[in-house]
Protein backbone atom coordinates (compact mmCIF):
# COMPACT_ATOMS: atom_id res chain seq x y z
CA UNK A 1 -64.36 17.21 50.22
CA UNK A 2 -67.35 15.89 48.31
CA UNK A 3 -66.71 13.29 45.66
CA UNK A 4 -68.50 13.60 42.35
CA UNK A 5 -70.07 10.38 40.96
CA UNK A 6 -67.16 9.37 38.71
CA UNK A 7 -64.55 10.04 41.40
CA UNK A 8 -66.71 8.18 43.91
CA UNK A 9 -66.94 5.19 41.56
CA UNK A 10 -63.15 5.24 41.09
CA UNK A 11 -62.51 5.31 44.85
CA UNK A 12 -65.01 2.51 45.52
CA UNK A 13 -63.62 0.35 42.74
CA UNK A 14 -60.03 0.93 43.87
CA UNK A 15 -61.09 -0.29 47.31
CA UNK A 16 -62.65 -3.42 45.78
CA UNK A 17 -59.52 -4.07 43.74
CA UNK A 18 -57.35 -3.50 46.78
CA UNK A 19 -59.16 -6.33 48.54
CA UNK A 20 -58.44 -8.61 45.60
CA UNK A 21 -54.76 -7.60 45.67
CA UNK A 22 -54.48 -8.37 49.38
CA UNK A 23 -54.74 -4.76 50.53
CA UNK A 24 -57.27 -3.56 53.08
CA UNK A 25 -60.24 -1.90 51.36
CA UNK A 26 -59.98 1.33 53.37
CA UNK A 27 -56.25 1.58 52.67
CA UNK A 28 -56.94 1.29 48.94
CA UNK A 29 -59.81 3.80 49.09
CA UNK A 30 -57.65 6.33 50.91
CA UNK A 31 -54.94 5.89 48.33
CA UNK A 32 -57.46 6.41 45.51
CA UNK A 33 -58.84 9.52 47.21
CA UNK A 34 -55.37 11.00 47.59
CA UNK A 35 -54.57 10.08 43.98
CA UNK A 36 -57.58 12.08 42.77
CA UNK A 37 -57.26 14.96 45.25
CA UNK A 38 -56.04 18.21 43.77
CA UNK A 39 -54.25 19.14 46.99
CA UNK A 40 -52.89 17.33 50.06
CA UNK A 41 -55.59 16.26 52.53
CA UNK A 42 -55.57 16.12 56.34
CA UNK A 43 -56.67 12.91 58.01
CA UNK A 44 -59.92 14.47 59.26
CA UNK A 45 -60.98 15.38 55.73
CA UNK A 46 -60.13 11.88 54.52
CA UNK A 47 -62.22 10.36 57.33
CA UNK A 48 -65.16 12.67 56.61
CA UNK A 49 -65.04 12.16 52.84
CA UNK A 50 -64.90 8.37 53.05
CA UNK A 51 -67.12 8.18 56.13
CA UNK A 52 -64.67 5.99 58.03
CA UNK A 53 -63.37 6.17 61.59
CA UNK A 54 -60.46 8.51 62.24
CA UNK A 55 -58.52 5.65 63.87
CA UNK A 56 -58.99 3.54 60.72
CA UNK A 57 -57.69 6.44 58.62
CA UNK A 58 -54.68 6.85 60.91
CA UNK A 59 -53.75 3.16 60.66
CA UNK A 60 -54.33 3.15 56.92
CA UNK A 61 -52.14 6.22 56.42
CA UNK A 62 -49.33 4.50 58.34
CA UNK A 63 -49.63 1.47 56.09
CA UNK A 64 -49.55 3.63 52.95
CA UNK A 65 -46.46 5.41 54.29
CA UNK A 66 -44.79 2.06 54.95
CA UNK A 67 -45.45 1.14 51.31
CA UNK A 68 -43.92 4.51 50.29
CA UNK A 69 -47.15 5.37 48.48
CA UNK A 70 -47.91 8.57 50.37
CA UNK A 71 -45.98 11.26 52.11
CA UNK A 72 -46.72 13.82 54.78
CA UNK A 73 -46.70 17.48 53.79
CA UNK A 74 -47.23 20.60 55.83
CA UNK A 75 -49.37 23.54 54.85
CA UNK A 76 -48.62 27.12 55.82
CA UNK A 77 -50.72 28.16 58.81
CA UNK A 78 -52.02 24.64 59.50
CA UNK A 79 -50.41 22.52 62.19
CA UNK A 80 -52.06 19.31 60.99
CA UNK A 81 -50.30 16.78 58.81
CA UNK A 82 -51.59 16.60 55.26
CA UNK A 83 -51.06 13.68 52.93
CA UNK A 84 -50.43 13.30 49.24
CA UNK A 85 -49.57 10.46 46.91
CA UNK A 86 -47.69 9.97 43.70
CA UNK A 87 -49.85 11.21 40.84
CA UNK A 88 -47.71 10.02 37.93
CA UNK A 89 -49.08 6.57 37.08
CA UNK A 90 -45.68 5.25 35.99
CA UNK A 91 -43.99 6.38 39.20
CA UNK A 92 -46.87 4.85 41.13
CA UNK A 93 -46.52 1.60 39.19
CA UNK A 94 -42.78 1.50 39.87
CA UNK A 95 -43.28 2.10 43.58
CA UNK A 96 -45.88 -0.67 43.89
CA UNK A 97 -43.78 -3.15 41.89
CA UNK A 98 -40.59 -2.28 43.79
CA UNK A 99 -42.30 -2.61 47.19
CA UNK A 100 -44.10 -5.86 46.32
CA UNK A 101 -40.89 -7.34 44.93
CA UNK A 102 -39.01 -6.40 48.10
CA UNK A 103 -41.74 -7.70 50.44
CA UNK A 104 -42.93 -10.79 48.59
CA UNK A 105 -40.64 -11.85 45.77
CA UNK A 106 -37.18 -11.38 47.29
CA UNK A 107 -38.00 -13.33 50.50
CA UNK A 108 -39.22 -16.23 48.33
CA UNK A 109 -35.94 -16.25 46.42
CA UNK A 110 -34.06 -16.18 49.74
CA UNK A 111 -36.14 -19.11 51.05
CA UNK A 112 -35.49 -21.11 47.87
CA UNK A 113 -31.74 -20.45 48.19
CA UNK A 114 -31.91 -21.68 51.79
CA UNK A 115 -33.63 -24.86 50.60
CA UNK A 116 -31.03 -25.53 47.90
CA UNK A 117 -28.10 -24.74 50.22
CA UNK A 118 -29.44 -26.85 53.07
CA UNK A 119 -27.41 -30.09 53.46
CA UNK A 120 -30.73 -31.98 53.72
CA UNK A 121 -31.55 -30.88 50.15
CA UNK A 122 -29.32 -33.70 48.82
CA UNK A 123 -31.55 -36.24 50.61
CA UNK A 124 -34.67 -35.00 48.82
CA UNK A 125 -35.85 -36.96 45.82
CA UNK A 126 -34.45 -35.92 42.45
CA UNK A 127 -37.93 -34.74 41.43
CA UNK A 128 -38.24 -32.48 44.49
CA UNK A 129 -34.75 -31.08 43.87
CA UNK A 130 -35.57 -30.49 40.22
CA UNK A 131 -38.79 -28.63 41.03
CA UNK A 132 -37.23 -26.42 43.70
CA UNK A 133 -34.29 -25.54 41.43
CA UNK A 134 -36.64 -24.81 38.51
CA UNK A 135 -38.73 -22.55 40.76
CA UNK A 136 -35.63 -20.73 41.96
CA UNK A 137 -34.40 -20.23 38.39
CA UNK A 138 -37.79 -18.89 37.32
CA UNK A 139 -37.99 -16.52 40.28
CA UNK A 140 -34.44 -15.25 39.72
CA UNK A 141 -35.09 -14.72 36.01
CA UNK A 142 -38.32 -12.86 36.67
CA UNK A 143 -36.65 -10.82 39.41
CA UNK A 144 -33.78 -9.79 37.14
CA UNK A 145 -36.20 -8.94 34.34
CA UNK A 146 -38.32 -6.89 36.74
CA UNK A 147 -35.28 -4.99 38.00
CA UNK A 148 -34.31 -4.14 34.42
CA UNK A 149 -37.85 -3.00 33.57
CA UNK A 150 -37.92 -0.74 36.65
CA UNK A 151 -34.75 0.98 35.42
CA UNK A 152 -36.36 1.99 32.11
CA UNK A 153 -37.92 5.39 31.55
CA UNK A 154 -41.70 5.30 31.08
CA UNK A 155 -41.34 6.07 27.35
CA UNK A 156 -38.88 3.22 26.87
CA UNK A 157 -40.98 0.87 28.98
CA UNK A 158 -44.04 1.58 26.84
CA UNK A 159 -41.99 0.84 23.72
CA UNK A 160 -40.74 -2.43 25.22
CA UNK A 161 -44.29 -3.42 26.17
CA UNK A 162 -45.61 -2.63 22.68
CA UNK A 163 -42.70 -4.48 21.10
CA UNK A 164 -43.40 -7.48 23.32
CA UNK A 165 -47.05 -7.44 22.26
CA UNK A 166 -46.07 -7.31 18.58
CA UNK A 167 -43.60 -10.17 19.05
CA UNK A 168 -46.30 -12.20 20.79
CA UNK A 169 -48.71 -11.58 17.89
CA UNK A 170 -46.00 -12.52 15.41
CA UNK A 171 -45.19 -15.74 17.27
CA UNK A 172 -48.88 -16.61 17.68
CA UNK A 173 -49.60 -15.80 14.05
CA UNK A 174 -46.66 -17.90 12.90
CA UNK A 175 -47.80 -20.74 15.12
CA UNK A 176 -51.37 -20.49 13.80
CA UNK A 177 -50.11 -20.51 10.22
CA UNK A 178 -48.10 -23.70 10.92
CA UNK A 179 -51.13 -25.31 12.56
CA UNK A 180 -53.40 -24.32 9.67
CA UNK A 181 -50.91 -25.88 7.20
CA UNK A 182 -51.14 -29.27 8.90
């Protein structure tokens, strides 16, 4: 598979962004390649297209499967595994958010609950207790909000996002008007 300039730029940028998001660059590039591919790709074609080692591709594919971002498919007459990813951006978004919440957010909430429920918590200063409880409340609120947002259809989610932006403009505008009146 030969990438055209725009597709190549997309794949390279996705790899750069992956690094900033804490994801290995090759993992992110493979995901971007599969996202743009018009058909499932075997590992050899992925390695050749991205000019990376086959072993690196194999490890990266396993990581993407663990994140539930790709799946293995079989092609008639070809014994090799082929790989494809979610191509609907909203489904992709949901998968990433759901997986990150499960891997990063939920364990933090669990750790905060352990802190609060630990008998030694009562011996911490009131300020430490207050900050840990406030962090737990924030994390639980955000987690509940995130769960609700993940349940919405893409159309409804877009409407909620646009409504939120309009509310924010209204609040900011109202605040600016009050400040200008001073």
